[in-house]
Amino acid sequence: MRALAAVSLAVVLTACGSHAAEPTPTNLHTATLLTQTRTPAPTSVGNTPEIFSGSATVEIGDRFFIPPQLIVTTGTTVTWVNRGQEEHTATAREGPFGSSSLAFGASYKFTFTKPGVYQYFCMNHGDMRGQIEVR
């Protein structure tokens, strides 16, 4: 009887013990996990694009902006919010705005007062690009 109990215990321990706790990443922010798994939406083709008025938000992820292109009306304030693990900026290529390096959760606001197309990028990651069209 004792031998049977020992074998049963060994089977239970082997079955339960083989699934050690998965290591969990430290220093990851919940919001980052949400935004990093979301694929940036492609620009619409054949559809009327949404035009924002008053305010609009661009989320910054690690290596992308969501949305990458935005259309707003004159006088609209755009807020960039960093949801990535790394520090990022929103800096106009040739234009009137540029944030400092933004840590996770930090934001930067700019009000567009003149019509035009404003291309911007992250100074820390030059391959991150976005565009604001002001109508």
N, C-alpha and C. Protein backbone atom coordinates (compact mmCIF):
# COMPACT_ATOMS: atom_id res chain seq x y z
N MET A 1 0.83 -1.20 0.00
CA MET A 1 0.00 0.00 0.00
C MET A 1 0.87 1.25 0.00
N ARG A 2 1.93 1.21 0.82
CA ARG A 2 2.84 2.34 0.90
C ARG A 2 3.52 2.57 -0.46
N ALA A 3 3.87 1.52 -1.16
CA ALA A 3 4.52 1.63 -2.47
C ALA A 3 3.56 2.25 -3.48
N LEU A 4 2.29 1.86 -3.43
CA LEU A 4 1.30 2.41 -4.34
C LEU A 4 1.10 3.90 -4.09
N ALA A 5 1.07 4.30 -2.82
CA ALA A 5 0.93 5.71 -2.48
C ALA A 5 2.13 6.51 -2.98
N ALA A 6 3.33 5.97 -2.87
CA ALA A 6 4.53 6.66 -3.32
C ALA A 6 4.52 6.84 -4.84
N VAL A 7 4.07 5.79 -5.57
CA VAL A 7 3.99 5.88 -7.02
C VAL A 7 2.95 6.92 -7.42
N SER A 8 1.79 6.92 -6.76
CA SER A 8 0.74 7.89 -7.06
C SER A 8 1.22 9.30 -6.82
N LEU A 9 1.92 9.51 -5.70
CA LEU A 9 2.46 10.84 -5.38
C LEU A 9 3.48 11.27 -6.42
N ALA A 10 4.33 10.34 -6.87
CA ALA A 10 5.34 10.67 -7.88
C ALA A 10 4.68 11.08 -9.20
N VAL A 11 3.60 10.38 -9.58
CA VAL A 11 2.90 10.72 -10.82
C VAL A 11 2.28 12.11 -10.70
N VAL A 12 1.65 12.41 -9.57
CA VAL A 12 1.04 13.72 -9.37
C VAL A 12 2.10 14.81 -9.39
N LEU A 13 3.19 14.61 -8.69
CA LEU A 13 4.25 15.62 -8.66
C LEU A 13 4.87 15.83 -10.03
N THR A 14 5.04 14.75 -10.78
CA THR A 14 5.60 14.89 -12.13
C THR A 14 4.65 15.66 -13.03
N ALA A 15 3.37 15.35 -12.96
CA ALA A 15 2.40 16.04 -13.80
C ALA A 15 2.28 17.50 -13.43
N CYS A 16 2.28 17.80 -12.14
CA CYS A 16 2.12 19.19 -11.70
C CYS A 16 3.43 19.96 -11.78
N GLY A 17 4.52 19.30 -11.49
CA GLY A 17 5.81 19.98 -11.42
C GLY A 17 6.41 20.29 -12.76
N SER A 18 5.91 19.66 -13.82
CA SER A 18 6.52 19.89 -15.13
C SER A 18 6.12 21.24 -15.72
N HIS A 19 5.15 21.89 -15.10
CA HIS A 19 4.71 23.20 -15.59
C HIS A 19 5.17 24.27 -14.63
N ALA A 20 6.45 24.54 -14.66
CA ALA A 20 6.99 25.59 -13.78
C ALA A 20 6.39 26.92 -14.20
N ALA A 21 6.34 27.82 -13.28
CA ALA A 21 5.77 29.14 -13.56
C ALA A 21 6.53 29.80 -14.70
N GLU A 22 5.78 30.33 -15.66
CA GLU A 22 6.39 31.03 -16.78
C GLU A 22 7.04 32.30 -16.27
N PRO A 23 8.25 32.61 -16.72
CA PRO A 23 8.85 33.88 -16.30
C PRO A 23 8.04 35.04 -16.88
N THR A 24 7.79 36.02 -16.09
CA THR A 24 7.06 37.19 -16.57
C THR A 24 8.02 38.35 -16.72
N PRO A 25 7.90 39.09 -17.81
CA PRO A 25 8.79 40.22 -18.01
C PRO A 25 8.53 41.28 -16.93
N THR A 26 9.58 41.86 -16.46
CA THR A 26 9.44 42.94 -15.50
C THR A 26 9.57 44.26 -16.22
N ASN A 27 9.09 45.28 -15.63
CA ASN A 27 9.17 46.64 -16.18
C ASN A 27 8.36 46.82 -17.47
N LEU A 28 7.39 45.95 -17.73
CA LEU A 28 6.53 46.16 -18.87
C LEU A 28 5.25 46.79 -18.37
N HIS A 29 4.79 47.77 -19.08
CA HIS A 29 3.57 48.47 -18.70
C HIS A 29 2.39 47.80 -19.38
N THR A 30 1.29 47.67 -18.67
CA THR A 30 0.11 47.01 -19.23
C THR A 30 -0.34 47.68 -20.51
N ALA A 31 -0.37 48.99 -20.54
CA ALA A 31 -0.81 49.69 -21.75
C ALA A 31 0.11 49.38 -22.92
N THR A 32 1.40 49.21 -22.65
CA THR A 32 2.34 48.89 -23.71
C THR A 32 2.00 47.54 -24.31
N LEU A 33 1.71 46.57 -23.46
CA LEU A 33 1.38 45.25 -23.97
C LEU A 33 0.16 45.33 -24.88
N LEU A 34 -0.78 46.19 -24.57
CA LEU A 34 -1.97 46.34 -25.41
C LEU A 34 -1.63 46.99 -26.73
N THR A 35 -0.86 48.07 -26.70
CA THR A 35 -0.57 48.79 -27.95
C THR A 35 0.45 48.06 -28.80
N GLN A 36 1.35 47.32 -28.20
CA GLN A 36 2.38 46.66 -28.98
C GLN A 36 1.82 45.48 -29.77
N THR A 37 0.68 44.94 -29.36
CA THR A 37 0.11 43.83 -30.09
C THR A 37 -0.88 44.29 -31.14
N ARG A 38 -1.18 45.56 -31.16
CA ARG A 38 -2.13 46.09 -32.14
C ARG A 38 -1.36 46.56 -33.37
N THR A 39 -1.76 46.07 -34.52
CA THR A 39 -1.11 46.45 -35.77
C THR A 39 -1.63 47.80 -36.22
N PRO A 40 -0.75 48.72 -36.57
CA PRO A 40 -1.22 50.01 -37.06
C PRO A 40 -2.14 49.82 -38.26
N ALA A 41 -3.25 50.52 -38.26
CA ALA A 41 -4.22 50.40 -39.35
C ALA A 41 -3.68 51.03 -40.62
N PRO A 42 -3.88 50.37 -41.75
CA PRO A 42 -3.43 50.98 -43.01
C PRO A 42 -4.32 52.17 -43.34
N THR A 43 -3.80 53.05 -44.16
CA THR A 43 -4.62 54.18 -44.58
C THR A 43 -5.76 53.66 -45.44
N SER A 44 -6.88 54.34 -45.37
CA SER A 44 -8.05 53.88 -46.10
C SER A 44 -7.88 54.15 -47.59
N VAL A 45 -8.34 53.21 -48.39
CA VAL A 45 -8.30 53.35 -49.84
C VAL A 45 -9.74 53.29 -50.33
N GLY A 46 -10.17 54.33 -51.00
CA GLY A 46 -11.51 54.34 -51.53
C GLY A 46 -12.57 54.75 -50.51
N ASN A 47 -12.18 54.97 -49.28
CA ASN A 47 -13.11 55.42 -48.24
C ASN A 47 -12.82 56.87 -47.91
N THR A 48 -13.83 57.55 -47.41
CA THR A 48 -13.63 58.93 -46.98
C THR A 48 -12.91 58.89 -45.65
N PRO A 49 -11.74 59.53 -45.54
CA PRO A 49 -11.00 59.50 -44.28
C PRO A 49 -11.71 60.32 -43.21
N GLU A 50 -11.50 59.93 -41.97
CA GLU A 50 -12.08 60.67 -40.85
C GLU A 50 -11.28 61.95 -40.63
N ILE A 51 -11.98 63.04 -40.44
CA ILE A 51 -11.34 64.34 -40.20
C ILE A 51 -11.67 64.74 -38.77
N PHE A 52 -10.63 64.98 -37.97
CA PHE A 52 -10.80 65.33 -36.58
C PHE A 52 -10.84 66.84 -36.41
N SER A 53 -11.66 67.29 -35.50
CA SER A 53 -11.80 68.72 -35.22
C SER A 53 -11.80 68.92 -33.72
N GLY A 54 -11.07 69.91 -33.25
CA GLY A 54 -11.02 70.20 -31.81
C GLY A 54 -9.86 69.52 -31.12
N SER A 55 -9.86 68.18 -31.15
CA SER A 55 -8.76 67.45 -30.54
C SER A 55 -8.62 66.08 -31.19
N ALA A 56 -7.41 65.56 -31.13
CA ALA A 56 -7.10 64.23 -31.67
C ALA A 56 -5.91 63.69 -30.90
N THR A 57 -5.79 62.37 -30.85
CA THR A 57 -4.70 61.74 -30.13
C THR A 57 -3.95 60.77 -31.03
N VAL A 58 -2.62 60.80 -30.91
CA VAL A 58 -1.76 59.85 -31.59
C VAL A 58 -1.03 59.07 -30.50
N GLU A 59 -1.15 57.75 -30.53
CA GLU A 59 -0.42 56.91 -29.59
C GLU A 59 0.93 56.58 -30.18
N ILE A 60 1.95 56.65 -29.34
CA ILE A 60 3.30 56.31 -29.77
C ILE A 60 3.62 54.94 -29.20
N GLY A 61 3.95 54.01 -30.08
CA GLY A 61 4.40 52.69 -29.65
C GLY A 61 5.88 52.58 -29.94
N ASP A 62 6.45 51.46 -29.60
CA ASP A 62 7.86 51.26 -29.90
C ASP A 62 7.99 50.93 -31.38
N ARG A 63 8.39 51.92 -32.13
CA ARG A 63 8.66 51.87 -33.57
C ARG A 63 7.47 52.21 -34.46
N PHE A 64 6.40 52.82 -33.92
CA PHE A 64 5.30 53.23 -34.77
C PHE A 64 4.42 54.27 -34.08
N PHE A 65 3.66 55.00 -34.89
CA PHE A 65 2.64 55.94 -34.42
C PHE A 65 1.28 55.38 -34.83
N ILE A 66 0.28 55.51 -33.95
CA ILE A 66 -1.09 55.07 -34.27
C ILE A 66 -2.01 56.25 -34.07
N PRO A 67 -2.67 56.76 -35.10
CA PRO A 67 -2.53 56.36 -36.49
C PRO A 67 -1.29 57.02 -37.10
N PRO A 68 -0.77 56.42 -38.15
CA PRO A 68 0.42 57.01 -38.78
C PRO A 68 0.10 58.27 -39.58
N GLN A 69 -1.17 58.40 -40.01
CA GLN A 69 -1.61 59.59 -40.74
C GLN A 69 -2.90 60.07 -40.12
N LEU A 70 -3.02 61.38 -40.01
CA LEU A 70 -4.17 61.98 -39.36
C LEU A 70 -4.58 63.23 -40.12
N ILE A 71 -5.88 63.43 -40.29
CA ILE A 71 -6.38 64.65 -40.93
C ILE A 71 -7.17 65.42 -39.88
N VAL A 72 -6.82 66.70 -39.72
CA VAL A 72 -7.48 67.55 -38.73
C VAL A 72 -7.87 68.88 -39.37
N THR A 73 -8.74 69.61 -38.68
CA THR A 73 -9.10 70.95 -39.14
C THR A 73 -8.21 71.96 -38.43
N THR A 74 -8.11 73.15 -39.01
CA THR A 74 -7.34 74.23 -38.40
C THR A 74 -7.87 74.49 -36.99
N GLY A 75 -6.96 74.67 -36.04
CA GLY A 75 -7.33 74.92 -34.66
C GLY A 75 -7.40 73.67 -33.80
N THR A 76 -7.17 72.49 -34.40
CA THR A 76 -7.22 71.23 -33.65
C THR A 76 -5.93 71.03 -32.87
N THR A 77 -6.08 70.58 -31.63
CA THR A 77 -4.93 70.23 -30.79
C THR A 77 -4.70 68.73 -30.88
N VAL A 78 -3.50 68.35 -31.28
CA VAL A 78 -3.13 66.94 -31.36
C VAL A 78 -2.27 66.62 -30.14
N THR A 79 -2.59 65.52 -29.49
CA THR A 79 -1.83 65.05 -28.33
C THR A 79 -1.15 63.74 -28.69
N TRP A 80 0.16 63.68 -28.52
CA TRP A 80 0.91 62.44 -28.69
C TRP A 80 1.14 61.86 -27.30
N VAL A 81 0.84 60.58 -27.12
CA VAL A 81 1.02 59.91 -25.82
C VAL A 81 1.93 58.70 -26.03
N ASN A 82 3.00 58.64 -25.26
CA ASN A 82 3.92 57.50 -25.38
C ASN A 82 3.38 56.30 -24.63
N ARG A 83 3.13 55.22 -25.35
CA ARG A 83 2.70 53.94 -24.76
C ARG A 83 3.78 52.88 -24.91
N GLY A 84 4.96 53.30 -25.38
CA GLY A 84 6.06 52.36 -25.61
C GLY A 84 7.00 52.27 -24.43
N GLN A 85 7.85 51.27 -24.44
CA GLN A 85 8.84 51.07 -23.39
C GLN A 85 9.99 52.07 -23.51
N GLU A 86 10.28 52.48 -24.74
CA GLU A 86 11.40 53.38 -24.99
C GLU A 86 10.92 54.83 -24.99
N GLU A 87 11.87 55.75 -24.85
CA GLU A 87 11.54 57.17 -24.96
C GLU A 87 11.42 57.53 -26.44
N HIS A 88 10.44 58.38 -26.74
CA HIS A 88 10.19 58.78 -28.12
C HIS A 88 9.92 60.28 -28.19
N THR A 89 9.99 60.82 -29.41
CA THR A 89 9.63 62.22 -29.63
C THR A 89 8.63 62.28 -30.78
N ALA A 90 7.99 63.42 -30.92
CA ALA A 90 7.18 63.75 -32.10
C ALA A 90 7.76 65.07 -32.59
N THR A 91 8.51 65.01 -33.67
CA THR A 91 9.27 66.16 -34.15
C THR A 91 8.99 66.42 -35.62
N ALA A 92 8.53 67.61 -35.94
CA ALA A 92 8.23 67.97 -37.33
C ALA A 92 9.52 67.99 -38.15
N ARG A 93 9.45 67.47 -39.37
CA ARG A 93 10.61 67.50 -40.26
C ARG A 93 10.94 68.94 -40.63
N GLU A 94 9.95 69.67 -41.05
CA GLU A 94 10.11 71.09 -41.36
C GLU A 94 8.86 71.77 -40.84
N GLY A 95 8.90 72.20 -39.63
CA GLY A 95 7.69 72.80 -39.13
C GLY A 95 7.81 73.27 -37.70
N PRO A 96 6.67 73.62 -37.17
CA PRO A 96 6.63 74.37 -35.93
C PRO A 96 6.60 73.56 -34.63
N PHE A 97 6.66 72.25 -34.66
CA PHE A 97 6.53 71.53 -33.39
C PHE A 97 7.63 70.50 -33.20
N GLY A 98 7.85 70.16 -31.96
CA GLY A 98 8.83 69.15 -31.59
C GLY A 98 8.81 68.92 -30.09
N SER A 99 8.58 67.70 -29.71
CA SER A 99 8.54 67.38 -28.28
C SER A 99 9.93 67.06 -27.77
N SER A 100 10.06 67.07 -26.48
CA SER A 100 11.27 66.53 -25.86
C SER A 100 11.10 65.01 -25.85
N SER A 101 12.08 64.28 -25.34
CA SER A 101 11.93 62.82 -25.22
C SER A 101 10.83 62.53 -24.21
N LEU A 102 9.90 61.68 -24.62
CA LEU A 102 8.75 61.34 -23.78
C LEU A 102 8.91 59.93 -23.23
N ALA A 103 8.88 59.79 -21.93
CA ALA A 103 8.93 58.48 -21.28
C ALA A 103 7.53 57.87 -21.34
N PHE A 104 7.39 56.62 -20.93
CA PHE A 104 6.09 55.95 -20.92
C PHE A 104 5.06 56.80 -20.19
N GLY A 105 3.90 57.01 -20.83
CA GLY A 105 2.81 57.75 -20.22
C GLY A 105 2.87 59.26 -20.41
N ALA A 106 4.03 59.78 -20.81
CA ALA A 106 4.16 61.22 -21.01
C ALA A 106 3.48 61.63 -22.32
N SER A 107 3.09 62.89 -22.39
CA SER A 107 2.40 63.36 -23.59
C SER A 107 2.93 64.73 -24.01
N TYR A 108 2.61 65.07 -25.24
CA TYR A 108 2.98 66.34 -25.83
C TYR A 108 1.80 66.83 -26.65
N LYS A 109 1.47 68.13 -26.55
CA LYS A 109 0.34 68.70 -27.29
C LYS A 109 0.81 69.82 -28.20
N PHE A 110 0.16 69.90 -29.35
CA PHE A 110 0.42 71.00 -30.26
C PHE A 110 -0.88 71.34 -30.97
N THR A 111 -1.17 72.65 -31.08
CA THR A 111 -2.36 73.12 -31.78
C THR A 111 -1.96 73.61 -33.17
N PHE A 112 -2.59 73.05 -34.19
CA PHE A 112 -2.29 73.38 -35.57
C PHE A 112 -3.16 74.57 -36.00
N THR A 113 -2.50 75.68 -36.34
CA THR A 113 -3.22 76.91 -36.69
C THR A 113 -3.17 77.24 -38.18
N LYS A 114 -2.32 76.52 -38.92
CA LYS A 114 -2.19 76.79 -40.36
C LYS A 114 -2.40 75.51 -41.15
N PRO A 115 -3.16 75.61 -42.26
CA PRO A 115 -3.34 74.43 -43.12
C PRO A 115 -2.01 73.99 -43.70
N GLY A 116 -1.92 72.72 -44.00
CA GLY A 116 -0.71 72.18 -44.61
C GLY A 116 -0.53 70.72 -44.24
N VAL A 117 0.54 70.14 -44.76
CA VAL A 117 0.89 68.76 -44.46
C VAL A 117 2.16 68.79 -43.63
N TYR A 118 2.10 68.21 -42.45
CA TYR A 118 3.21 68.21 -41.51
C TYR A 118 3.70 66.78 -41.32
N GLN A 119 4.90 66.52 -41.84
CA GLN A 119 5.50 65.21 -41.64
C GLN A 119 6.35 65.27 -40.38
N TYR A 120 6.29 64.21 -39.58
CA TYR A 120 7.06 64.19 -38.34
C TYR A 120 7.68 62.82 -38.13
N PHE A 121 8.59 62.76 -37.17
CA PHE A 121 9.32 61.53 -36.89
C PHE A 121 9.75 61.52 -35.43
N CYS A 122 10.31 60.40 -35.01
CA CYS A 122 10.88 60.29 -33.67
C CYS A 122 12.39 60.52 -33.79
N MET A 123 12.90 61.50 -33.07
CA MET A 123 14.33 61.80 -33.14
C MET A 123 15.18 60.64 -32.62
N ASN A 124 14.62 59.81 -31.74
CA ASN A 124 15.37 58.68 -31.18
C ASN A 124 15.33 57.46 -32.10
N HIS A 125 14.38 57.42 -33.00
CA HIS A 125 14.21 56.28 -33.91
C HIS A 125 13.77 56.84 -35.26
N GLY A 126 14.70 57.19 -36.10
CA GLY A 126 14.42 57.88 -37.36
C GLY A 126 13.49 57.15 -38.31
N ASP A 127 13.31 55.84 -38.11
CA ASP A 127 12.41 55.10 -39.00
C ASP A 127 10.95 55.22 -38.57
N MET A 128 10.69 55.86 -37.45
CA MET A 128 9.31 56.11 -37.00
C MET A 128 8.84 57.40 -37.64
N ARG A 129 7.78 57.30 -38.46
CA ARG A 129 7.30 58.49 -39.18
C ARG A 129 5.79 58.59 -39.10
N GLY A 130 5.32 59.83 -39.16
CA GLY A 130 3.88 60.08 -39.17
C GLY A 130 3.60 61.34 -39.96
N GLN A 131 2.31 61.62 -40.14
CA GLN A 131 1.91 62.79 -40.93
C GLN A 131 0.59 63.33 -40.41
N ILE A 132 0.54 64.66 -40.28
CA ILE A 132 -0.69 65.36 -39.94
C ILE A 132 -1.05 66.26 -41.10
N GLU A 133 -2.24 66.11 -41.64
CA GLU A 133 -2.73 67.01 -42.69
C GLU A 133 -3.75 67.93 -42.03
N VAL A 134 -3.53 69.24 -42.18
CA VAL A 134 -4.42 70.23 -41.59
C VAL A 134 -5.18 70.89 -42.72
N ARG A 135 -6.51 70.83 -42.62
CA ARG A 135 -7.37 71.41 -43.66
C ARG A 135 -8.10 72.62 -43.13
